[in-house]
Amino acid sequence: MIAFIVRRLVGAVGLLLIISAVTFGIFFLVPKAAGVTSDDLAARFAGKTPDAATLEAIKDRFALDEPVPVQYGKYIKSIVAGDTYDTGVETIDCPAPCLGYSFRTNQPVFDEIVDRAPVTFMIAIGAAVLWLLAGITIGVVSALRRGSVIDRVSMGIALAGVSLPVFFTGLLSLAFVVHRWQLLPEVNYRGFSDNPFSLLLPWICLAFLYAALYARLTRAGMLETMNEDYIRTARAKGLPERTVVVKHGLRATLTPIMTVFGLDFGLLLGGAIITERTFSLPGIGQLALDGIYQSDLPVVLGATMVVALFVVLANLIVDILYGVVDPRVRHS
């Protein structure tokens, strides 16, 4: 197991390097190939109406006149060893991991992401708990009651959940649940010091979308698993039906669910863009979206790296948990 974890860690580092190289190339290599000059790239890092001295300083700071591999090497070096940035007024120290400096907000990108992370983390964790509990429970009940009214109604709701995006259910719930009926308070969460249950409405809207998918996955897996020989053997031994369903049937079904969960949860930790935009929550997704609107390349690049990191880590944890959840899985 230790050798497997070490191999996966090495592979995760290599994958992050590949992702960073591809992302860096999209922002710097592709524009140059399309004819964008270093002055144009420098203008994207600067604030409004930058003067010539500022553009020259930015070009020198980011080595925009250098070949792209040299720029990428300096970027990776700043992540590992930190860097300093001259804003023209003062020199900013950016300790490792330094994901760049935004000249539009005059802040290191990593500090901005850390400030926004509590909102995104709380959205992702709360929604994940809801959609796992609801999705797996509905899927198991539907599989055990296949063809019944419960099965048809739950799968119909699941189909609606997959079909309805968050920006639709979110705006609809805000209009009726919050403003017209006043069943829930305004969504106003800015950090860990605030009441997390103010995010109840975003949790429900986001969980409604994902729970539908997990219900269908669980139902399909349970229908296949409950017909296996070892399930019939467990029943023949006289084990209680709850033990047969939970310990033998559901446990084997969780493997594909964990795979999908690793991707979904990692992406949410990197920024639930649509949810944060719909409910005006200042998370990592909203930060990345603002960076796109403002052509703030360091912010967009840093947010992309964070998303990639969370997805890789989530899948690494899922790979390790395979052997715990399903005893048939062995790491060689």
C-alpha atoms as a PDB file:
ATOM      1  CA  MET A   1       0.000   0.000   0.000  1.00  0.00           C
ATOM      2  CA  ILE A   2       2.827   2.421   0.838  1.00  0.00           C
ATOM      3  CA  ALA A   3       4.509   1.758  -2.506  1.00  0.00           C
ATOM      4  CA  PHE A   4       1.182   2.384  -4.253  1.00  0.00           C
ATOM      5  CA  ILE A   5       0.696   5.700  -2.432  1.00  0.00           C
ATOM      6  CA  VAL A   6       4.230   6.807  -3.329  1.00  0.00           C
ATOM      7  CA  ARG A   7       3.664   5.944  -6.989  1.00  0.00           C
ATOM      8  CA  ARG A   8       0.381   7.818  -7.013  1.00  0.00           C
ATOM      9  CA  LEU A   9       1.988  10.858  -5.354  1.00  0.00           C
ATOM     10  CA  VAL A  10       4.752  10.922  -7.960  1.00  0.00           C
ATOM     11  CA  GLY A  11       2.167  10.540 -10.701  1.00  0.00           C
ATOM     12  CA  ALA A  12       0.086  13.342  -9.183  1.00  0.00           C
ATOM     13  CA  VAL A  13       3.073  15.705  -9.204  1.00  0.00           C
ATOM     14  CA  GLY A  14       3.819  14.816 -12.816  1.00  0.00           C
ATOM     15  CA  LEU A  15       0.189  15.351 -13.788  1.00  0.00           C
ATOM     16  CA  LEU A  16       0.146  18.769 -12.120  1.00  0.00           C
ATOM     17  CA  LEU A  17       3.291  19.750 -14.033  1.00  0.00           C
ATOM     18  CA  ILE A  18       1.659  18.699 -17.301  1.00  0.00           C
ATOM     19  CA  ILE A  19      -1.511  20.635 -16.481  1.00  0.00           C
ATOM     20  CA  SER A  20       0.484  23.711 -15.507  1.00  0.00           C
ATOM     21  CA  ALA A  21       2.523  23.520 -18.720  1.00  0.00           C
ATOM     22  CA  VAL A  22      -0.576  23.166 -20.897  1.00  0.00           C
ATOM     23  CA  THR A  23      -2.378  25.975 -19.067  1.00  0.00           C
ATOM     24  CA  PHE A  24       0.662  28.238 -19.231  1.00  0.00           C
ATOM     25  CA  GLY A  25       0.990  27.511 -22.928  1.00  0.00           C
ATOM     26  CA  ILE A  26      -2.657  28.427 -23.536  1.00  0.00           C
ATOM     27  CA  PHE A  27      -2.165  31.824 -21.906  1.00  0.00           C
ATOM     28  CA  PHE A  28       1.286  32.664 -23.311  1.00  0.00           C
ATOM     29  CA  LEU A  29       2.260  30.379 -26.201  1.00  0.00           C
ATOM     30  CA  VAL A  30      -1.013  30.413 -28.134  1.00  0.00           C
ATOM     31  CA  PRO A  31      -1.365  34.253 -28.075  1.00  0.00           C
ATOM     32  CA  LYS A  32       2.199  34.621 -29.362  1.00  0.00           C
ATOM     33  CA  ALA A  33       1.493  32.136 -32.135  1.00  0.00           C
ATOM     34  CA  ALA A  34      -1.572  34.222 -33.023  1.00  0.00           C
ATOM     35  CA  GLY A  35       0.529  37.374 -33.323  1.00  0.00           C
ATOM     36  CA  VAL A  36      -0.063  38.959 -29.906  1.00  0.00           C
ATOM     37  CA  THR A  37       2.954  41.024 -28.874  1.00  0.00           C
ATOM     38  CA  SER A  38       4.628  41.155 -25.479  1.00  0.00           C
ATOM     39  CA  ASP A  39       3.226  44.683 -25.026  1.00  0.00           C
ATOM     40  CA  ASP A  40      -0.300  43.321 -25.438  1.00  0.00           C
ATOM     41  CA  LEU A  41       0.378  40.567 -22.897  1.00  0.00           C
ATOM     42  CA  ALA A  42       1.864  43.074 -20.455  1.00  0.00           C
ATOM     43  CA  ALA A  43      -1.233  45.253 -20.779  1.00  0.00           C
ATOM     44  CA  ARG A  44      -3.347  42.302 -19.550  1.00  0.00           C
ATOM     45  CA  PHE A  45      -1.331  42.197 -16.340  1.00  0.00           C
ATOM     46  CA  ALA A  46      -1.487  45.946 -15.736  1.00  0.00           C
ATOM     47  CA  GLY A  47      -4.292  48.047 -14.380  1.00  0.00           C
ATOM     48  CA  LYS A  48      -6.289  50.583 -16.307  1.00  0.00           C
ATOM     49  CA  THR A  49      -4.429  52.967 -18.641  1.00  0.00           C
ATOM     50  CA  PRO A  50      -0.881  51.757 -17.835  1.00  0.00           C
ATOM     51  CA  ASP A  51       2.026  53.974 -18.898  1.00  0.00           C
ATOM     52  CA  ALA A  52       5.044  52.817 -20.890  1.00  0.00           C
ATOM     53  CA  ALA A  53       7.238  52.469 -17.799  1.00  0.00           C
ATOM     54  CA  THR A  54       4.722  50.167 -16.146  1.00  0.00           C
ATOM     55  CA  LEU A  55       4.473  47.986 -19.245  1.00  0.00           C
ATOM     56  CA  GLU A  56       8.258  47.710 -19.471  1.00  0.00           C
ATOM     57  CA  ALA A  57       8.476  46.770 -15.802  1.00  0.00           C
ATOM     58  CA  ILE A  58       5.847  44.058 -16.259  1.00  0.00           C
ATOM     59  CA  LYS A  59       7.575  42.685 -19.341  1.00  0.00           C
ATOM     60  CA  ASP A  60      10.848  42.552 -17.454  1.00  0.00           C
ATOM     61  CA  ARG A  61       9.220  41.042 -14.363  1.00  0.00           C
ATOM     62  CA  PHE A  62       7.471  38.217 -16.226  1.00  0.00           C
ATOM     63  CA  ALA A  63      10.172  37.847 -18.894  1.00  0.00           C
ATOM     64  CA  LEU A  64       7.548  38.339 -21.599  1.00  0.00           C
ATOM     65  CA  ASP A  65      10.257  38.988 -24.207  1.00  0.00           C
ATOM     66  CA  GLU A  66      11.910  35.684 -23.315  1.00  0.00           C
ATOM     67  CA  PRO A  67      10.962  32.315 -24.861  1.00  0.00           C
ATOM     68  CA  VAL A  68       7.888  30.700 -23.332  1.00  0.00           C
ATOM     69  CA  PRO A  69       9.885  27.809 -21.747  1.00  0.00           C
ATOM     70  CA  VAL A  70      11.967  30.379 -19.846  1.00  0.00           C
ATOM     71  CA  GLN A  71       8.798  32.122 -18.640  1.00  0.00           C
ATOM     72  CA  TYR A  72       7.335  28.787 -17.554  1.00  0.00           C
ATOM     73  CA  GLY A  73      10.513  27.891 -15.673  1.00  0.00           C
ATOM     74  CA  LYS A  74      10.359  31.151 -13.738  1.00  0.00           C
ATOM     75  CA  TYR A  75       6.682  30.553 -12.962  1.00  0.00           C
ATOM     76  CA  ILE A  76       7.353  27.088 -11.540  1.00  0.00           C
ATOM     77  CA  LYS A  77      10.324  28.461  -9.592  1.00  0.00           C
ATOM     78  CA  SER A  78       8.107  31.126  -8.016  1.00  0.00           C
ATOM     79  CA  ILE A  79       5.606  28.451  -6.930  1.00  0.00           C
ATOM     80  CA  VAL A  80       8.334  26.423  -5.229  1.00  0.00           C
ATOM     81  CA  ALA A  81      10.646  29.150  -3.902  1.00  0.00           C
ATOM     82  CA  GLY A  82       8.478  32.288  -3.850  1.00  0.00           C
ATOM     83  CA  ASP A  83       9.182  35.583  -5.571  1.00  0.00           C
ATOM     84  CA  THR A  84       9.100  39.367  -5.221  1.00  0.00           C
ATOM     85  CA  TYR A  85       7.127  41.846  -7.320  1.00  0.00           C
ATOM     86  CA  ASP A  86       7.821  45.531  -7.900  1.00  0.00           C
ATOM     87  CA  THR A  87       4.526  47.420  -8.230  1.00  0.00           C
ATOM     88  CA  GLY A  88       6.265  50.722  -8.950  1.00  0.00           C
ATOM     89  CA  VAL A  89       5.363  51.973  -5.469  1.00  0.00           C
ATOM     90  CA  GLU A  90       6.657  49.169  -3.279  1.00  0.00           C
ATOM     91  CA  THR A  91       8.202  45.746  -3.473  1.00  0.00           C
ATOM     92  CA  ILE A  92       5.824  42.901  -2.577  1.00  0.00           C
ATOM     93  CA  ASP A  93       7.182  39.669  -1.129  1.00  0.00           C
ATOM     94  CA  CYS A  94       5.274  36.631  -2.418  1.00  0.00           C
ATOM     95  CA  PRO A  95       6.286  33.556  -0.373  1.00  0.00           C
ATOM     96  CA  ALA A  96       5.890  30.022  -1.651  1.00  0.00           C
ATOM     97  CA  PRO A  97       3.558  28.810  -2.982  1.00  0.00           C
ATOM     98  CA  CYS A  98       3.475  31.960  -5.085  1.00  0.00           C
ATOM     99  CA  LEU A  99       0.893  31.694  -7.865  1.00  0.00           C
ATOM    100  CA  GLY A 100       1.635  35.140  -9.247  1.00  0.00           C
ATOM    101  CA  TYR A 101       0.708  38.720  -8.498  1.00  0.00           C
ATOM    102  CA  SER A 102      -2.383  40.576  -9.708  1.00  0.00           C
ATOM    103  CA  PHE A 103      -1.576  44.130 -10.718  1.00  0.00           C
ATOM    104  CA  ARG A 104      -5.312  44.836 -10.996  1.00  0.00           C
ATOM    105  CA  THR A 105      -6.088  44.056  -7.347  1.00  0.00           C
ATOM    106  CA  ASN A 106      -2.526  44.661  -6.090  1.00  0.00           C
ATOM    107  CA  GLN A 107      -2.501  41.368  -4.195  1.00  0.00           C
ATOM    108  CA  PRO A 108      -0.667  38.048  -4.517  1.00  0.00           C
ATOM    109  CA  VAL A 109      -2.963  35.530  -6.219  1.00  0.00           C
ATOM    110  CA  PHE A 110      -2.463  32.902  -3.510  1.00  0.00           C
ATOM    111  CA  ASP A 111      -3.625  35.335  -0.817  1.00  0.00           C
ATOM    112  CA  GLU A 112      -6.773  36.096  -2.814  1.00  0.00           C
ATOM    113  CA  ILE A 113      -7.516  32.390  -3.226  1.00  0.00           C
ATOM    114  CA  VAL A 114      -6.993  31.754   0.499  1.00  0.00           C
ATOM    115  CA  ASP A 115      -9.391  34.597   1.334  1.00  0.00           C
ATOM    116  CA  ARG A 116     -12.066  33.116  -0.948  1.00  0.00           C
ATOM    117  CA  ALA A 117     -11.466  29.449  -0.056  1.00  0.00           C
ATOM    118  CA  PRO A 118     -13.721  29.250   3.069  1.00  0.00           C
ATOM    119  CA  VAL A 119     -16.819  30.120   1.031  1.00  0.00           C
ATOM    120  CA  THR A 120     -16.075  27.538  -1.650  1.00  0.00           C
ATOM    121  CA  PHE A 121     -15.107  24.851   0.875  1.00  0.00           C
ATOM    122  CA  MET A 122     -18.313  25.301   2.851  1.00  0.00           C
ATOM    123  CA  ILE A 123     -20.455  25.209  -0.303  1.00  0.00           C
ATOM    124  CA  ALA A 124     -18.760  22.027  -1.528  1.00  0.00           C
ATOM    125  CA  ILE A 125     -18.772  20.179   1.796  1.00  0.00           C
ATOM    126  CA  GLY A 126     -22.374  20.978   2.690  1.00  0.00           C
ATOM    127  CA  ALA A 127     -23.695  20.131  -0.770  1.00  0.00           C
ATOM    128  CA  ALA A 128     -21.649  16.925  -0.943  1.00  0.00           C
ATOM    129  CA  VAL A 129     -23.084  15.636   2.328  1.00  0.00           C
ATOM    130  CA  LEU A 130     -26.625  16.307   1.137  1.00  0.00           C
ATOM    131  CA  TRP A 131     -26.261  14.804  -2.320  1.00  0.00           C
ATOM    132  CA  LEU A 132     -24.497  11.672  -1.042  1.00  0.00           C
ATOM    133  CA  LEU A 133     -27.115  10.985   1.611  1.00  0.00           C
ATOM    134  CA  ALA A 134     -30.054  11.734  -0.670  1.00  0.00           C
ATOM    135  CA  GLY A 135     -28.660  10.196  -3.847  1.00  0.00           C
ATOM    136  CA  ILE A 136     -27.459   6.917  -2.364  1.00  0.00           C
ATOM    137  CA  THR A 137     -30.587   6.469  -0.233  1.00  0.00           C
ATOM    138  CA  ILE A 138     -32.940   7.099  -3.164  1.00  0.00           C
ATOM    139  CA  GLY A 139     -30.883   4.838  -5.422  1.00  0.00           C
ATOM    140  CA  VAL A 140     -30.934   1.938  -2.970  1.00  0.00           C
ATOM    141  CA  VAL A 141     -34.675   2.240  -2.312  1.00  0.00           C
ATOM    142  CA  SER A 142     -35.429   2.457  -6.043  1.00  0.00           C
ATOM    143  CA  ALA A 143     -33.337  -0.626  -6.772  1.00  0.00           C
ATOM    144  CA  LEU A 144     -34.981  -2.659  -4.024  1.00  0.00           C
ATOM    145  CA  ARG A 145     -38.454  -1.509  -5.166  1.00  0.00           C
ATOM    146  CA  ARG A 146     -37.802  -1.789  -8.881  1.00  0.00           C
ATOM    147  CA  GLY A 147     -40.863  -1.027 -10.968  1.00  0.00           C
ATOM    148  CA  SER A 148     -42.872   0.313  -8.049  1.00  0.00           C
ATOM    149  CA  VAL A 149     -44.425   3.743  -7.714  1.00  0.00           C
ATOM    150  CA  ILE A 150     -41.542   4.813  -5.461  1.00  0.00           C
ATOM    151  CA  ASP A 151     -39.039   3.769  -8.123  1.00  0.00           C
ATOM    152  CA  ARG A 152     -40.825   5.616 -10.919  1.00  0.00           C
ATOM    153  CA  VAL A 153     -41.381   8.801  -8.906  1.00  0.00           C
ATOM    154  CA  SER A 154     -37.819   8.947  -7.561  1.00  0.00           C
ATOM    155  CA  MET A 155     -36.275   8.336 -10.980  1.00  0.00           C
ATOM    156  CA  GLY A 156     -38.571  10.978 -12.457  1.00  0.00           C
ATOM    157  CA  ILE A 157     -37.364  13.458  -9.876  1.00  0.00           C
ATOM    158  CA  ALA A 158     -33.779  12.379 -10.586  1.00  0.00           C
ATOM    159  CA  LEU A 159     -34.295  13.032 -14.293  1.00  0.00           C
ATOM    160  CA  ALA A 160     -35.636  16.496 -13.486  1.00  0.00           C
ATOM    161  CA  GLY A 161     -32.665  17.154 -11.218  1.00  0.00           C
ATOM    162  CA  VAL A 162     -30.156  16.240 -13.925  1.00  0.00           C
ATOM    163  CA  SER A 163     -32.018  18.405 -16.450  1.00  0.00           C
ATOM    164  CA  LEU A 164     -32.361  21.566 -14.336  1.00  0.00           C
ATOM    165  CA  PRO A 165     -29.167  23.659 -13.970  1.00  0.00           C
ATOM    166  CA  VAL A 166     -28.245  25.443 -10.764  1.00  0.00           C
ATOM    167  CA  PHE A 167     -28.745  28.924 -12.201  1.00  0.00           C
ATOM    168  CA  PHE A 168     -32.389  28.018 -12.891  1.00  0.00           C
ATOM    169  CA  THR A 169     -33.229  26.311  -9.587  1.00  0.00           C
ATOM    170  CA  GLY A 170     -31.144  28.860  -7.683  1.00  0.00           C
ATOM    171  CA  LEU A 171     -32.854  31.936  -9.090  1.00  0.00           C
ATOM    172  CA  LEU A 172     -36.257  30.296  -8.758  1.00  0.00           C
ATOM    173  CA  SER A 173     -35.658  29.386  -5.124  1.00  0.00           C
ATOM    174  CA  LEU A 174     -34.346  32.871  -4.364  1.00  0.00           C
ATOM    175  CA  ALA A 175     -37.455  34.430  -5.877  1.00  0.00           C
ATOM    176  CA  PHE A 176     -39.940  32.283  -3.973  1.00  0.00           C
ATOM    177  CA  VAL A 177     -38.272  30.683  -0.938  1.00  0.00           C
ATOM    178  CA  VAL A 178     -36.342  33.779   0.158  1.00  0.00           C
ATOM    179  CA  HIS A 179     -38.153  36.844  -1.173  1.00  0.00           C
ATOM    180  CA  ARG A 180     -41.804  35.893  -1.585  1.00  0.00           C
ATOM    181  CA  TRP A 181     -42.406  33.223   1.062  1.00  0.00           C
ATOM    182  CA  GLN A 182     -39.476  34.235   3.330  1.00  0.00           C
ATOM    183  CA  LEU A 183     -38.921  30.663   4.459  1.00  0.00           C
ATOM    184  CA  LEU A 184     -35.151  31.095   4.534  1.00  0.00           C
ATOM    185  CA  PRO A 185     -32.977  34.160   5.173  1.00  0.00           C
ATOM    186  CA  GLU A 186     -30.852  35.899   2.579  1.00  0.00           C
ATOM    187  CA  VAL A 187     -27.762  33.996   1.485  1.00  0.00           C
ATOM    188  CA  ASN A 188     -24.929  35.925   3.088  1.00  0.00           C
ATOM    189  CA  TYR A 189     -21.798  33.914   3.864  1.00  0.00           C
ATOM    190  CA  ARG A 190     -18.317  35.409   3.791  1.00  0.00           C
ATOM    191  CA  GLY A 191     -16.158  33.131   5.949  1.00  0.00           C
ATOM    192  CA  PHE A 192     -15.916  30.542   8.699  1.00  0.00           C
ATOM    193  CA  SER A 193     -17.023  33.100  11.298  1.00  0.00           C
ATOM    194  CA  ASP A 194     -20.478  33.348   9.678  1.00  0.00           C
ATOM    195  CA  ASN A 195     -23.369  30.957  10.219  1.00  0.00           C
ATOM    196  CA  PRO A 196     -22.848  28.074   7.750  1.00  0.00           C
ATOM    197  CA  PHE A 197     -26.581  27.312   7.642  1.00  0.00           C
ATOM    198  CA  SER A 198     -27.087  30.539   5.717  1.00  0.00           C
ATOM    199  CA  LEU A 199     -25.808  28.420   2.807  1.00  0.00           C
ATOM    200  CA  LEU A 200     -28.697  25.983   3.142  1.00  0.00           C
ATOM    201  CA  LEU A 201     -30.368  27.153  -0.069  1.00  0.00           C
ATOM    202  CA  PRO A 202     -27.188  26.872  -2.218  1.00  0.00           C
ATOM    203  CA  TRP A 203     -26.567  23.448  -0.674  1.00  0.00           C
ATOM    204  CA  ILE A 204     -30.038  22.237  -1.624  1.00  0.00           C
ATOM    205  CA  CYS A 205     -29.897  23.605  -5.176  1.00  0.00           C
ATOM    206  CA  LEU A 206     -26.440  22.161  -5.809  1.00  0.00           C
ATOM    207  CA  ALA A 207     -27.268  18.851  -4.124  1.00  0.00           C
ATOM    208  CA  PHE A 208     -30.465  18.535  -6.172  1.00  0.00           C
ATOM    209  CA  LEU A 209     -28.368  18.538  -9.346  1.00  0.00           C
ATOM    210  CA  TYR A 210     -25.773  16.011  -8.147  1.00  0.00           C
ATOM    211  CA  ALA A 211     -28.074  13.784  -6.063  1.00  0.00           C
ATOM    212  CA  ALA A 212     -30.040  12.959  -9.203  1.00  0.00           C
ATOM    213  CA  LEU A 213     -26.929  11.588 -10.895  1.00  0.00           C
ATOM    214  CA  TYR A 214     -25.837   9.622  -7.823  1.00  0.00           C
ATOM    215  CA  ALA A 215     -29.321   8.158  -7.406  1.00  0.00           C
ATOM    216  CA  ARG A 216     -29.235   6.795 -10.938  1.00  0.00           C
ATOM    217  CA  LEU A 217     -25.696   5.455 -10.510  1.00  0.00           C
ATOM    218  CA  THR A 218     -26.597   3.782  -7.220  1.00  0.00           C
ATOM    219  CA  ARG A 219     -29.755   2.253  -8.634  1.00  0.00           C
ATOM    220  CA  ALA A 220     -27.936   0.822 -11.657  1.00  0.00           C
ATOM    221  CA  GLY A 221     -25.154  -0.559  -9.492  1.00  0.00           C
ATOM    222  CA  MET A 222     -27.505  -2.082  -6.951  1.00  0.00           C
ATOM    223  CA  LEU A 223     -29.621  -3.751  -9.641  1.00  0.00           C
ATOM    224  CA  GLU A 224     -26.498  -5.427 -11.002  1.00  0.00           C
ATOM    225  CA  THR A 225     -24.963  -6.293  -7.633  1.00  0.00           C
ATOM    226  CA  MET A 226     -28.080  -7.758  -6.012  1.00  0.00           C
ATOM    227  CA  ASN A 227     -28.153 -10.481  -8.681  1.00  0.00           C
ATOM    228  CA  GLU A 228     -24.618 -11.677  -7.925  1.00  0.00           C
ATOM    229  CA  ASP A 229     -23.949 -15.158  -6.565  1.00  0.00           C
ATOM    230  CA  TYR A 230     -22.439 -13.910  -3.296  1.00  0.00           C
ATOM    231  CA  ILE A 231     -25.650 -12.015  -2.543  1.00  0.00           C
ATOM    232  CA  ARG A 232     -27.679 -15.209  -2.900  1.00  0.00           C
ATOM    233  CA  THR A 233     -25.114 -16.994  -0.735  1.00  0.00           C
ATOM    234  CA  ALA A 234     -25.409 -14.340   1.977  1.00  0.00           C
ATOM    235  CA  ARG A 235     -29.182 -14.698   1.987  1.00  0.00           C
ATOM    236  CA  ALA A 236     -28.914 -18.480   2.044  1.00  0.00           C
ATOM    237  CA  LYS A 237     -26.788 -18.214   5.189  1.00  0.00           C
ATOM    238  CA  GLY A 238     -29.696 -16.469   6.880  1.00  0.00           C
ATOM    239  CA  LEU A 239     -28.122 -13.024   7.176  1.00  0.00           C
ATOM    240  CA  PRO A 240     -30.550 -10.169   7.863  1.00  0.00           C
ATOM    241  CA  GLU A 241     -31.701  -8.330   4.734  1.00  0.00           C
ATOM    242  CA  ARG A 242     -30.237  -5.066   6.019  1.00  0.00           C
ATOM    243  CA  THR A 243     -26.810  -6.707   6.312  1.00  0.00           C
ATOM    244  CA  VAL A 244     -27.093  -8.189   2.841  1.00  0.00           C
ATOM    245  CA  VAL A 245     -28.072  -4.863   1.300  1.00  0.00           C
ATOM    246  CA  VAL A 246     -25.670  -2.563   3.139  1.00  0.00           C
ATOM    247  CA  LYS A 247     -22.610  -4.693   3.823  1.00  0.00           C
ATOM    248  CA  HIS A 248     -22.587  -6.802   0.658  1.00  0.00           C
ATOM    249  CA  GLY A 249     -24.658  -5.017  -1.961  1.00  0.00           C
ATOM    250  CA  LEU A 250     -24.077  -1.325  -1.305  1.00  0.00           C
ATOM    251  CA  ARG A 251     -20.409  -1.724  -0.436  1.00  0.00           C
ATOM    252  CA  ALA A 252     -19.639  -3.169  -3.866  1.00  0.00           C
ATOM    253  CA  THR A 253     -21.734  -0.477  -5.541  1.00  0.00           C
ATOM    254  CA  LEU A 254     -19.777   2.352  -3.918  1.00  0.00           C
ATOM    255  CA  THR A 255     -16.665   1.875  -6.078  1.00  0.00           C
ATOM    256  CA  PRO A 256     -17.945   3.651  -9.237  1.00  0.00           C
ATOM    257  CA  ILE A 257     -19.732   6.206  -7.060  1.00  0.00           C
ATOM    258  CA  MET A 258     -16.437   7.057  -5.366  1.00  0.00           C
ATOM    259  CA  THR A 259     -14.790   7.528  -8.755  1.00  0.00           C
ATOM    260  CA  VAL A 260     -17.383  10.070  -9.858  1.00  0.00           C
ATOM    261  CA  PHE A 261     -17.400  11.708  -6.430  1.00  0.00           C
ATOM    262  CA  GLY A 262     -13.645  12.302  -6.593  1.00  0.00           C
ATOM    263  CA  LEU A 263     -14.047  14.277  -9.816  1.00  0.00           C
ATOM    264  CA  ASP A 264     -17.167  16.174  -8.723  1.00  0.00           C
ATOM    265  CA  PHE A 265     -15.911  17.115  -5.267  1.00  0.00           C
ATOM    266  CA  GLY A 266     -12.478  18.116  -6.548  1.00  0.00           C
ATOM    267  CA  LEU A 267     -14.025  20.415  -9.137  1.00  0.00           C
ATOM    268  CA  LEU A 268     -16.333  21.960  -6.534  1.00  0.00           C
ATOM    269  CA  LEU A 269     -13.420  22.614  -4.185  1.00  0.00           C
ATOM    270  CA  GLY A 270     -11.715  24.409  -7.043  1.00  0.00           C
ATOM    271  CA  GLY A 271     -14.705  26.716  -7.375  1.00  0.00           C
ATOM    272  CA  ALA A 272     -18.445  26.246  -7.779  1.00  0.00           C
ATOM    273  CA  ILE A 273     -18.624  29.000 -10.374  1.00  0.00           C
ATOM    274  CA  ILE A 274     -22.314  28.852 -11.295  1.00  0.00           C
ATOM    275  CA  THR A 275     -23.506  28.474  -7.693  1.00  0.00           C
ATOM    276  CA  GLU A 276     -21.321  31.308  -6.437  1.00  0.00           C
ATOM    277  CA  ARG A 277     -22.419  33.534  -9.290  1.00  0.00           C
ATOM    278  CA  THR A 278     -26.110  32.751  -8.799  1.00  0.00           C
ATOM    279  CA  PHE A 279     -26.086  33.466  -5.066  1.00  0.00           C
ATOM    280  CA  SER A 280     -23.436  36.261  -5.197  1.00  0.00           C
ATOM    281  CA  LEU A 281     -20.995  34.347  -3.001  1.00  0.00           C
ATOM    282  CA  PRO A 282     -17.335  35.493  -3.008  1.00  0.00           C
ATOM    283  CA  GLY A 283     -15.675  32.112  -3.546  1.00  0.00           C
ATOM    284  CA  ILE A 284     -12.830  30.853  -5.718  1.00  0.00           C
ATOM    285  CA  GLY A 285     -15.162  30.375  -8.673  1.00  0.00           C
ATOM    286  CA  GLN A 286     -16.312  33.978  -8.512  1.00  0.00           C
ATOM    287  CA  LEU A 287     -12.672  35.072  -8.258  1.00  0.00           C
ATOM    288  CA  ALA A 288     -11.797  33.123 -11.408  1.00  0.00           C
ATOM    289  CA  LEU A 289     -14.805  34.550 -13.230  1.00  0.00           C
ATOM    290  CA  ASP A 290     -13.831  38.102 -12.253  1.00  0.00           C
ATOM    291  CA  GLY A 291     -10.320  37.375 -13.484  1.00  0.00           C
ATOM    292  CA  ILE A 292     -11.690  36.280 -16.863  1.00  0.00           C
ATOM    293  CA  TYR A 293     -13.850  39.393 -17.184  1.00  0.00           C
ATOM    294  CA  GLN A 294     -10.921  41.649 -16.266  1.00  0.00           C
ATOM    295  CA  SER A 295      -8.325  39.710 -18.313  1.00  0.00           C
ATOM    296  CA  ASP A 296      -6.392  39.185 -15.087  1.00  0.00           C
ATOM    297  CA  LEU A 297      -4.171  36.336 -16.291  1.00  0.00           C
ATOM    298  CA  PRO A 298      -2.366  35.614 -12.993  1.00  0.00           C
ATOM    299  CA  VAL A 299      -5.697  35.130 -11.216  1.00  0.00           C
ATOM    300  CA  VAL A 300      -7.104  32.868 -13.937  1.00  0.00           C
ATOM    301  CA  LEU A 301      -3.892  30.848 -14.101  1.00  0.00           C
ATOM    302  CA  GLY A 302      -3.707  30.529 -10.318  1.00  0.00           C
ATOM    303  CA  ALA A 303      -7.354  29.472 -10.041  1.00  0.00           C
ATOM    304  CA  THR A 304      -6.809  26.872 -12.766  1.00  0.00           C
ATOM    305  CA  MET A 305      -3.858  25.429 -10.865  1.00  0.00           C
ATOM    306  CA  VAL A 306      -5.903  25.247  -7.668  1.00  0.00           C
ATOM    307  CA  VAL A 307      -8.739  23.432  -9.449  1.00  0.00           C
ATOM    308  CA  ALA A 308      -6.261  20.953 -10.929  1.00  0.00           C
ATOM    309  CA  LEU A 309      -4.666  20.412  -7.520  1.00  0.00           C
ATOM    310  CA  PHE A 310      -7.981  19.651  -5.828  1.00  0.00           C
ATOM    311  CA  VAL A 311      -9.103  17.268  -8.589  1.00  0.00           C
ATOM    312  CA  VAL A 312      -5.798  15.372  -8.468  1.00  0.00           C
ATOM    313  CA  LEU A 313      -5.838  15.156  -4.657  1.00  0.00           C
ATOM    314  CA  ALA A 314      -9.474  14.055  -4.577  1.00  0.00           C
ATOM    315  CA  ASN A 315      -8.797  11.271  -7.060  1.00  0.00           C
ATOM    316  CA  LEU A 316      -5.668  10.239  -5.163  1.00  0.00           C
ATOM    317  CA  ILE A 317      -7.706   9.851  -1.973  1.00  0.00           C
ATOM    318  CA  VAL A 318     -10.388   7.922  -3.876  1.00  0.00           C
ATOM    319  CA  ASP A 319      -7.792   5.506  -5.280  1.00  0.00           C
ATOM    320  CA  ILE A 320      -6.494   4.841  -1.772  1.00  0.00           C
ATOM    321  CA  LEU A 321      -9.997   4.276  -0.398  1.00  0.00           C
ATOM    322  CA  TYR A 322     -10.859   1.714  -3.070  1.00  0.00           C
ATOM    323  CA  GLY A 323      -9.216  -1.054  -1.080  1.00  0.00           C
ATOM    324  CA  VAL A 324     -11.039   0.005   2.081  1.00  0.00           C
ATOM    325  CA  VAL A 325     -14.535   0.151   0.604  1.00  0.00           C
ATOM    326  CA  ASP A 326     -14.305  -2.856  -1.713  1.00  0.00           C
ATOM    327  CA  PRO A 327     -12.220  -5.827  -0.464  1.00  0.00           C
ATOM    328  CA  ARG A 328     -12.085  -7.186  -4.002  1.00  0.00           C
ATOM    329  CA  VAL A 329      -9.754  -4.335  -4.972  1.00  0.00           C
ATOM    330  CA  ARG A 330      -6.078  -4.992  -4.354  1.00  0.00           C
ATOM    331  CA  HIS A 331      -3.206  -2.580  -4.937  1.00  0.00           C
ATOM    332  CA  SER A 332      -0.209  -4.320  -6.465  1.00  0.00           C
END
